Amino acid sequence: MTSWRLYAFDFDGTLVDSYSCLPAVWRRIGEYLNLEESFLDLFVKYVLIEEDLGDVRGEHDVSKWVRRALDKLKLEIDFNSEELAALYWKYRIEGTTVLPCVEDILKVLKEKECIVASVSGDDGVKSLKKKRIMQSGLSRFFDNIIVAGEDVPGKGDAMVLLADKYGLSRRECVLIDDKPGPINDVSKKGFPTIKVDFKCILKEAWKDECSPTVRLRNICELLNFI
């Protein structure tokens, strides 16, 4: 483990919690749609189900989630899709918090002169993920920011790109992520991986099995490995 020289971090669920705020985000969206109070709780329930399914499928169209939830409520409401998506991301960014120990971990890695990268998935809107990383205040720690789905096809491709860029062997580069899918993708390409257990209101994308090099109960435990 001491041979790791490059640490690549996922963003949502690994470095920040952008999920706990979702019920409040969707309630505000329901209010924006002028839903009656009697419909709000059900709307939040249904739209969270749609977001959960969309997340695991890589579908990021907020308006589709909303329309499906409204269909379940048998409501026909016109709305501006772009305006609604902008509000969703505005509220979610406002509700995002950096997880405990994250800044300490990144500072230690920089002090040890390790290469630190952000390797995350796209948000369905070009450049939005990089904007969110900048707004989180964590971008100052990263030597590279790569968004899978924009800069490269997948996180495995991002890891190959980073290893080649710095002339490192794959065993010297580790991915830290909370979802099984990327862990499996990157592991197949010969890179070590660290799976951080993260529990949130969404469930589907976390259901698959994976076999990481290291499994952590939370990101704070990474301090024991660096």
C-alpha atoms as a PDB file:
ATOM      1  CA  MET A   1       0.000   0.000   0.000  1.00  0.00           C
ATOM      2  CA  THR A   2       2.921   2.339   0.600  1.00  0.00           C
ATOM      3  CA  SER A   3       3.731   1.930  -3.113  1.00  0.00           C
ATOM      4  CA  TRP A   4       0.685   3.996  -4.100  1.00  0.00           C
ATOM      5  CA  ARG A   5       1.859   7.247  -5.629  1.00  0.00           C
ATOM      6  CA  LEU A   6      -1.323   8.443  -7.321  1.00  0.00           C
ATOM      7  CA  TYR A   7      -4.678   8.678  -5.549  1.00  0.00           C
ATOM      8  CA  ALA A   8      -7.787   9.208  -7.681  1.00  0.00           C
ATOM      9  CA  PHE A   9     -10.972  10.153  -5.841  1.00  0.00           C
ATOM     10  CA  ASP A  10     -14.575   9.924  -6.895  1.00  0.00           C
ATOM     11  CA  PHE A  11     -16.624  12.964  -5.851  1.00  0.00           C
ATOM     12  CA  ASP A  12     -20.254  12.337  -4.818  1.00  0.00           C
ATOM     13  CA  GLY A  13     -20.504   9.873  -1.942  1.00  0.00           C
ATOM     14  CA  THR A  14     -16.724   9.707  -1.554  1.00  0.00           C
ATOM     15  CA  LEU A  15     -15.566  13.248  -0.828  1.00  0.00           C
ATOM     16  CA  VAL A  16     -18.906  15.009  -0.457  1.00  0.00           C
ATOM     17  CA  ASP A  17     -22.435  14.158   0.616  1.00  0.00           C
ATOM     18  CA  SER A  18     -24.736  15.471  -2.094  1.00  0.00           C
ATOM     19  CA  TYR A  19     -27.459  12.918  -1.363  1.00  0.00           C
ATOM     20  CA  SER A  20     -28.824  13.702   2.109  1.00  0.00           C
ATOM     21  CA  CYS A  21     -30.224  16.961   0.769  1.00  0.00           C
ATOM     22  CA  LEU A  22     -32.285  15.301  -1.982  1.00  0.00           C
ATOM     23  CA  PRO A  23     -35.653  15.068  -0.150  1.00  0.00           C
ATOM     24  CA  ALA A  24     -35.450  18.796   0.637  1.00  0.00           C
ATOM     25  CA  VAL A  25     -34.341  19.547  -2.931  1.00  0.00           C
ATOM     26  CA  TRP A  26     -37.325  17.727  -4.386  1.00  0.00           C
ATOM     27  CA  ARG A  27     -39.743  19.306  -1.951  1.00  0.00           C
ATOM     28  CA  ARG A  28     -38.569  22.724  -3.139  1.00  0.00           C
ATOM     29  CA  ILE A  29     -39.025  21.564  -6.738  1.00  0.00           C
ATOM     30  CA  GLY A  30     -42.559  20.454  -5.865  1.00  0.00           C
ATOM     31  CA  GLU A  31     -43.246  23.890  -4.430  1.00  0.00           C
ATOM     32  CA  TYR A  32     -41.811  25.457  -7.597  1.00  0.00           C
ATOM     33  CA  LEU A  33     -44.349  23.366  -9.553  1.00  0.00           C
ATOM     34  CA  ASN A  34     -47.097  24.731  -7.264  1.00  0.00           C
ATOM     35  CA  LEU A  35     -48.078  21.269  -6.070  1.00  0.00           C
ATOM     36  CA  GLU A  36     -50.693  21.210  -3.357  1.00  0.00           C
ATOM     37  CA  GLU A  37     -49.392  20.282   0.085  1.00  0.00           C
ATOM     38  CA  SER A  38     -51.312  16.994  -0.052  1.00  0.00           C
ATOM     39  CA  PHE A  39     -49.258  15.915  -3.092  1.00  0.00           C
ATOM     40  CA  LEU A  40     -45.794  17.013  -1.958  1.00  0.00           C
ATOM     41  CA  ASP A  41     -44.775  13.984   0.108  1.00  0.00           C
ATOM     42  CA  LEU A  42     -45.869  11.537  -2.587  1.00  0.00           C
ATOM     43  CA  PHE A  43     -44.158  13.595  -5.268  1.00  0.00           C
ATOM     44  CA  VAL A  44     -40.889  13.477  -3.314  1.00  0.00           C
ATOM     45  CA  LYS A  45     -41.256   9.715  -2.833  1.00  0.00           C
ATOM     46  CA  TYR A  46     -41.956   9.021  -6.509  1.00  0.00           C
ATOM     47  CA  VAL A  47     -39.341  11.358  -7.948  1.00  0.00           C
ATOM     48  CA  LEU A  48     -36.646   9.898  -5.662  1.00  0.00           C
ATOM     49  CA  ILE A  49     -37.481   6.456  -7.049  1.00  0.00           C
ATOM     50  CA  GLU A  50     -37.078   7.826 -10.575  1.00  0.00           C
ATOM     51  CA  GLU A  51     -33.789   9.519  -9.698  1.00  0.00           C
ATOM     52  CA  ASP A  52     -32.502   6.306  -8.126  1.00  0.00           C
ATOM     53  CA  LEU A  53     -33.280   4.325 -11.280  1.00  0.00           C
ATOM     54  CA  GLY A  54     -31.895   7.092 -13.475  1.00  0.00           C
ATOM     55  CA  ASP A  55     -28.670   7.189 -11.482  1.00  0.00           C
ATOM     56  CA  VAL A  56     -27.948   3.499 -11.994  1.00  0.00           C
ATOM     57  CA  ARG A  57     -28.810   3.761 -15.717  1.00  0.00           C
ATOM     58  CA  GLY A  58     -26.721   6.873 -16.238  1.00  0.00           C
ATOM     59  CA  GLU A  59     -29.832   8.879 -17.135  1.00  0.00           C
ATOM     60  CA  HIS A  60     -29.488  12.444 -15.876  1.00  0.00           C
ATOM     61  CA  ASP A  61     -32.546  14.102 -17.424  1.00  0.00           C
ATOM     62  CA  VAL A  62     -34.195  15.743 -14.416  1.00  0.00           C
ATOM     63  CA  SER A  63     -37.334  16.624 -16.381  1.00  0.00           C
ATOM     64  CA  LYS A  64     -37.937  12.944 -17.223  1.00  0.00           C
ATOM     65  CA  TRP A  65     -37.802  12.010 -13.540  1.00  0.00           C
ATOM     66  CA  VAL A  66     -40.301  14.751 -12.743  1.00  0.00           C
ATOM     67  CA  ARG A  67     -42.699  13.843 -15.554  1.00  0.00           C
ATOM     68  CA  ARG A  68     -42.748  10.185 -14.493  1.00  0.00           C
ATOM     69  CA  ALA A  69     -43.441  11.169 -10.889  1.00  0.00           C
ATOM     70  CA  LEU A  70     -46.247  13.489 -11.986  1.00  0.00           C
ATOM     71  CA  ASP A  71     -47.688  10.710 -14.162  1.00  0.00           C
ATOM     72  CA  LYS A  72     -47.890   8.475 -11.086  1.00  0.00           C
ATOM     73  CA  LEU A  73     -49.817  11.253  -9.353  1.00  0.00           C
ATOM     74  CA  LYS A  74     -52.021  11.632 -12.456  1.00  0.00           C
ATOM     75  CA  LEU A  75     -51.075  15.302 -12.674  1.00  0.00           C
ATOM     76  CA  GLU A  76     -50.460  17.285 -15.843  1.00  0.00           C
ATOM     77  CA  ILE A  77     -48.245  20.279 -15.166  1.00  0.00           C
ATOM     78  CA  ASP A  78     -46.321  22.276 -17.748  1.00  0.00           C
ATOM     79  CA  PHE A  79     -42.841  23.425 -16.812  1.00  0.00           C
ATOM     80  CA  ASN A  80     -39.658  24.699 -18.410  1.00  0.00           C
ATOM     81  CA  SER A  81     -37.243  21.742 -18.443  1.00  0.00           C
ATOM     82  CA  GLU A  82     -34.085  23.866 -18.480  1.00  0.00           C
ATOM     83  CA  GLU A  83     -35.296  26.090 -15.663  1.00  0.00           C
ATOM     84  CA  LEU A  84     -36.315  23.091 -13.581  1.00  0.00           C
ATOM     85  CA  ALA A  85     -32.935  21.368 -14.086  1.00  0.00           C
ATOM     86  CA  ALA A  86     -31.120  24.581 -13.166  1.00  0.00           C
ATOM     87  CA  LEU A  87     -33.129  24.814  -9.939  1.00  0.00           C
ATOM     88  CA  TYR A  88     -32.459  21.168  -9.101  1.00  0.00           C
ATOM     89  CA  TRP A  89     -28.707  21.631  -9.403  1.00  0.00           C
ATOM     90  CA  LYS A  90     -28.774  24.985  -7.612  1.00  0.00           C
ATOM     91  CA  TYR A  91     -30.549  23.449  -4.621  1.00  0.00           C
ATOM     92  CA  ARG A  92     -28.385  20.308  -4.659  1.00  0.00           C
ATOM     93  CA  ILE A  93     -25.153  22.299  -4.798  1.00  0.00           C
ATOM     94  CA  GLU A  94     -26.385  24.420  -1.884  1.00  0.00           C
ATOM     95  CA  GLY A  95     -27.116  21.242   0.084  1.00  0.00           C
ATOM     96  CA  THR A  96     -23.784  19.529  -0.630  1.00  0.00           C
ATOM     97  CA  THR A  97     -21.349  19.143   2.276  1.00  0.00           C
ATOM     98  CA  VAL A  98     -17.725  18.002   2.355  1.00  0.00           C
ATOM     99  CA  LEU A  99     -17.462  14.779   4.353  1.00  0.00           C
ATOM    100  CA  PRO A 100     -15.472  14.595   7.623  1.00  0.00           C
ATOM    101  CA  CYS A 101     -11.699  13.996   7.312  1.00  0.00           C
ATOM    102  CA  VAL A 102     -11.645  14.739   3.578  1.00  0.00           C
ATOM    103  CA  GLU A 103      -9.591  17.928   3.727  1.00  0.00           C
ATOM    104  CA  ASP A 104      -7.184  16.339   6.231  1.00  0.00           C
ATOM    105  CA  ILE A 105      -6.686  13.359   3.908  1.00  0.00           C
ATOM    106  CA  LEU A 106      -6.037  15.523   0.865  1.00  0.00           C
ATOM    107  CA  LYS A 107      -3.631  17.749   2.796  1.00  0.00           C
ATOM    108  CA  VAL A 108      -1.634  14.735   4.009  1.00  0.00           C
ATOM    109  CA  LEU A 109      -1.365  13.355   0.480  1.00  0.00           C
ATOM    110  CA  LYS A 110      -0.152  16.686  -0.872  1.00  0.00           C
ATOM    111  CA  GLU A 111       2.396  16.958   1.954  1.00  0.00           C
ATOM    112  CA  LYS A 112       3.662  13.498   0.998  1.00  0.00           C
ATOM    113  CA  GLU A 113       3.999  14.769  -2.601  1.00  0.00           C
ATOM    114  CA  CYS A 114       1.544  12.210  -3.924  1.00  0.00           C
ATOM    115  CA  ILE A 115      -0.357  12.899  -7.126  1.00  0.00           C
ATOM    116  CA  VAL A 116      -3.997  13.592  -6.293  1.00  0.00           C
ATOM    117  CA  ALA A 117      -6.707  13.435  -8.936  1.00  0.00           C
ATOM    118  CA  SER A 118     -10.459  13.722  -9.145  1.00  0.00           C
ATOM    119  CA  VAL A 119     -12.005  10.971 -11.278  1.00  0.00           C
ATOM    120  CA  SER A 120     -15.783  11.213 -11.260  1.00  0.00           C
ATOM    121  CA  GLY A 121     -18.779  10.556 -13.473  1.00  0.00           C
ATOM    122  CA  ASP A 122     -20.548  13.247 -15.454  1.00  0.00           C
ATOM    123  CA  ASP A 123     -23.772  14.924 -14.323  1.00  0.00           C
ATOM    124  CA  GLY A 124     -25.443  14.932 -17.722  1.00  0.00           C
ATOM    125  CA  VAL A 125     -24.704  18.627 -18.257  1.00  0.00           C
ATOM    126  CA  LYS A 126     -21.373  19.488 -19.868  1.00  0.00           C
ATOM    127  CA  SER A 127     -18.806  20.921 -17.429  1.00  0.00           C
ATOM    128  CA  LEU A 128     -21.268  20.814 -14.510  1.00  0.00           C
ATOM    129  CA  LYS A 129     -19.272  18.267 -12.504  1.00  0.00           C
ATOM    130  CA  LYS A 130     -16.104  20.358 -12.784  1.00  0.00           C
ATOM    131  CA  LYS A 131     -18.082  23.418 -11.717  1.00  0.00           C
ATOM    132  CA  ARG A 132     -19.398  21.542  -8.678  1.00  0.00           C
ATOM    133  CA  ILE A 133     -15.900  20.382  -7.745  1.00  0.00           C
ATOM    134  CA  MET A 134     -14.684  23.974  -7.971  1.00  0.00           C
ATOM    135  CA  GLN A 135     -17.574  25.202  -5.812  1.00  0.00           C
ATOM    136  CA  SER A 136     -16.874  22.546  -3.175  1.00  0.00           C
ATOM    137  CA  GLY A 137     -13.506  24.164  -2.432  1.00  0.00           C
ATOM    138  CA  LEU A 138     -11.663  20.875  -3.013  1.00  0.00           C
ATOM    139  CA  SER A 139     -10.296  21.596  -6.487  1.00  0.00           C
ATOM    140  CA  ARG A 140      -7.193  23.226  -4.982  1.00  0.00           C
ATOM    141  CA  PHE A 141      -5.981  19.786  -3.914  1.00  0.00           C
ATOM    142  CA  PHE A 142      -6.219  18.143  -7.340  1.00  0.00           C
ATOM    143  CA  ASP A 143      -3.423  17.864  -9.878  1.00  0.00           C
ATOM    144  CA  ASN A 144      -5.950  16.585 -12.420  1.00  0.00           C
ATOM    145  CA  ILE A 145      -9.731  16.626 -12.739  1.00  0.00           C
ATOM    146  CA  ILE A 146     -11.133  14.028 -15.136  1.00  0.00           C
ATOM    147  CA  VAL A 147     -14.840  13.500 -15.756  1.00  0.00           C
ATOM    148  CA  ALA A 148     -15.825  10.110 -17.152  1.00  0.00           C
ATOM    149  CA  GLY A 149     -18.462  10.578 -19.821  1.00  0.00           C
ATOM    150  CA  GLU A 150     -16.908  13.883 -20.900  1.00  0.00           C
ATOM    151  CA  ASP A 151     -13.121  13.614 -20.956  1.00  0.00           C
ATOM    152  CA  VAL A 152     -12.912   9.821 -21.269  1.00  0.00           C
ATOM    153  CA  PRO A 153     -15.501   7.045 -21.718  1.00  0.00           C
ATOM    154  CA  GLY A 154     -15.129   5.530 -18.235  1.00  0.00           C
ATOM    155  CA  LYS A 155     -13.193   5.672 -14.977  1.00  0.00           C
ATOM    156  CA  GLY A 156     -10.984   2.777 -16.046  1.00  0.00           C
ATOM    157  CA  ASP A 157      -9.930   4.851 -19.058  1.00  0.00           C
ATOM    158  CA  ALA A 158      -9.235   7.801 -16.751  1.00  0.00           C
ATOM    159  CA  MET A 159      -6.921   5.675 -14.616  1.00  0.00           C
ATOM    160  CA  VAL A 160      -5.030   4.441 -17.686  1.00  0.00           C
ATOM    161  CA  LEU A 161      -4.667   8.050 -18.854  1.00  0.00           C
ATOM    162  CA  LEU A 162      -3.275   9.142 -15.483  1.00  0.00           C
ATOM    163  CA  ALA A 163      -0.852   6.226 -15.185  1.00  0.00           C
ATOM    164  CA  ASP A 164       0.499   6.911 -18.670  1.00  0.00           C
ATOM    165  CA  LYS A 165       0.729  10.659 -18.060  1.00  0.00           C
ATOM    166  CA  TYR A 166       2.912  10.238 -14.978  1.00  0.00           C
ATOM    167  CA  GLY A 167       4.826   7.164 -16.131  1.00  0.00           C
ATOM    168  CA  LEU A 168       3.497   5.048 -13.271  1.00  0.00           C
ATOM    169  CA  SER A 169       2.677   1.364 -13.151  1.00  0.00           C
ATOM    170  CA  ARG A 170      -0.958   0.499 -12.588  1.00  0.00           C
ATOM    171  CA  ARG A 171      -0.231  -0.918  -9.143  1.00  0.00           C
ATOM    172  CA  GLU A 172       1.019   2.549  -8.107  1.00  0.00           C
ATOM    173  CA  CYS A 173      -2.335   4.217  -8.880  1.00  0.00           C
ATOM    174  CA  VAL A 174      -5.405   3.660  -6.711  1.00  0.00           C
ATOM    175  CA  LEU A 175      -9.052   4.654  -7.182  1.00  0.00           C
ATOM    176  CA  ILE A 176     -11.186   5.537  -4.159  1.00  0.00           C
ATOM    177  CA  ASP A 177     -14.915   5.248  -4.885  1.00  0.00           C
ATOM    178  CA  ASP A 178     -18.198   4.449  -3.145  1.00  0.00           C
ATOM    179  CA  LYS A 179     -19.965   2.620  -5.993  1.00  0.00           C
ATOM    180  CA  PRO A 180     -19.316  -1.003  -7.012  1.00  0.00           C
ATOM    181  CA  GLY A 181     -19.543  -0.331 -10.765  1.00  0.00           C
ATOM    182  CA  PRO A 182     -16.442   1.869 -11.055  1.00  0.00           C
ATOM    183  CA  ILE A 183     -14.566  -0.351  -8.587  1.00  0.00           C
ATOM    184  CA  ASN A 184     -15.163  -3.347 -10.860  1.00  0.00           C
ATOM    185  CA  ASP A 185     -14.324  -1.399 -14.026  1.00  0.00           C
ATOM    186  CA  VAL A 186     -11.026  -0.112 -12.662  1.00  0.00           C
ATOM    187  CA  SER A 187     -10.072  -3.416 -10.998  1.00  0.00           C
ATOM    188  CA  LYS A 188     -10.424  -5.231 -14.334  1.00  0.00           C
ATOM    189  CA  LYS A 189      -7.774  -2.925 -15.776  1.00  0.00           C
ATOM    190  CA  GLY A 190      -5.279  -3.969 -13.111  1.00  0.00           C
ATOM    191  CA  PHE A 191      -5.506  -1.026 -10.717  1.00  0.00           C
ATOM    192  CA  PRO A 192      -5.900  -1.333  -6.938  1.00  0.00           C
ATOM    193  CA  THR A 193      -9.152   0.086  -5.584  1.00  0.00           C
ATOM    194  CA  ILE A 194     -10.567   1.310  -2.291  1.00  0.00           C
ATOM    195  CA  LYS A 195     -14.302   0.972  -1.696  1.00  0.00           C
ATOM    196  CA  VAL A 196     -15.731   3.475   0.781  1.00  0.00           C
ATOM    197  CA  ASP A 197     -19.039   2.349   2.244  1.00  0.00           C
ATOM    198  CA  PHE A 198     -21.555   5.145   1.899  1.00  0.00           C
ATOM    199  CA  LYS A 199     -25.232   4.884   2.773  1.00  0.00           C
ATOM    200  CA  CYS A 200     -27.712   7.300   1.285  1.00  0.00           C
ATOM    201  CA  ILE A 201     -31.317   7.660   0.238  1.00  0.00           C
ATOM    202  CA  LEU A 202     -30.533   6.273  -3.236  1.00  0.00           C
ATOM    203  CA  LYS A 203     -29.821   2.518  -3.344  1.00  0.00           C
ATOM    204  CA  GLU A 204     -29.756   1.007  -6.834  1.00  0.00           C
ATOM    205  CA  ALA A 205     -26.230   1.956  -7.955  1.00  0.00           C
ATOM    206  CA  TRP A 206     -24.754   0.485  -4.755  1.00  0.00           C
ATOM    207  CA  LYS A 207     -26.367  -2.979  -4.976  1.00  0.00           C
ATOM    208  CA  ASP A 208     -23.793  -4.807  -7.114  1.00  0.00           C
ATOM    209  CA  GLU A 209     -21.028  -6.891  -5.582  1.00  0.00           C
ATOM    210  CA  CYS A 210     -17.401  -5.840  -5.914  1.00  0.00           C
ATOM    211  CA  SER A 211     -13.989  -6.971  -4.683  1.00  0.00           C
ATOM    212  CA  PRO A 212     -11.885  -3.904  -3.889  1.00  0.00           C
ATOM    213  CA  THR A 213      -8.303  -4.083  -2.688  1.00  0.00           C
ATOM    214  CA  VAL A 214      -9.393  -2.345   0.520  1.00  0.00           C
ATOM    215  CA  ARG A 215     -12.858  -1.729   1.945  1.00  0.00           C
ATOM    216  CA  LEU A 216     -13.440   1.173   4.343  1.00  0.00           C
ATOM    217  CA  ARG A 217     -16.425   1.836   6.573  1.00  0.00           C
ATOM    218  CA  ASN A 218     -15.982   5.563   5.944  1.00  0.00           C
ATOM    219  CA  ILE A 219     -13.522   7.914   4.277  1.00  0.00           C
ATOM    220  CA  CYS A 220     -11.869   8.782   7.612  1.00  0.00           C
ATOM    221  CA  GLU A 221     -10.368   5.287   7.735  1.00  0.00           C
ATOM    222  CA  LEU A 222      -8.233   6.174   4.723  1.00  0.00           C
ATOM    223  CA  LEU A 223      -5.983   8.097   7.115  1.00  0.00           C
ATOM    224  CA  ASN A 224      -4.749   4.687   8.322  1.00  0.00           C
ATOM    225  CA  PHE A 225      -3.496   3.789   4.836  1.00  0.00           C
ATOM    226  CA  ILE A 226      -1.637   6.909   3.737  1.00  0.00           C
END
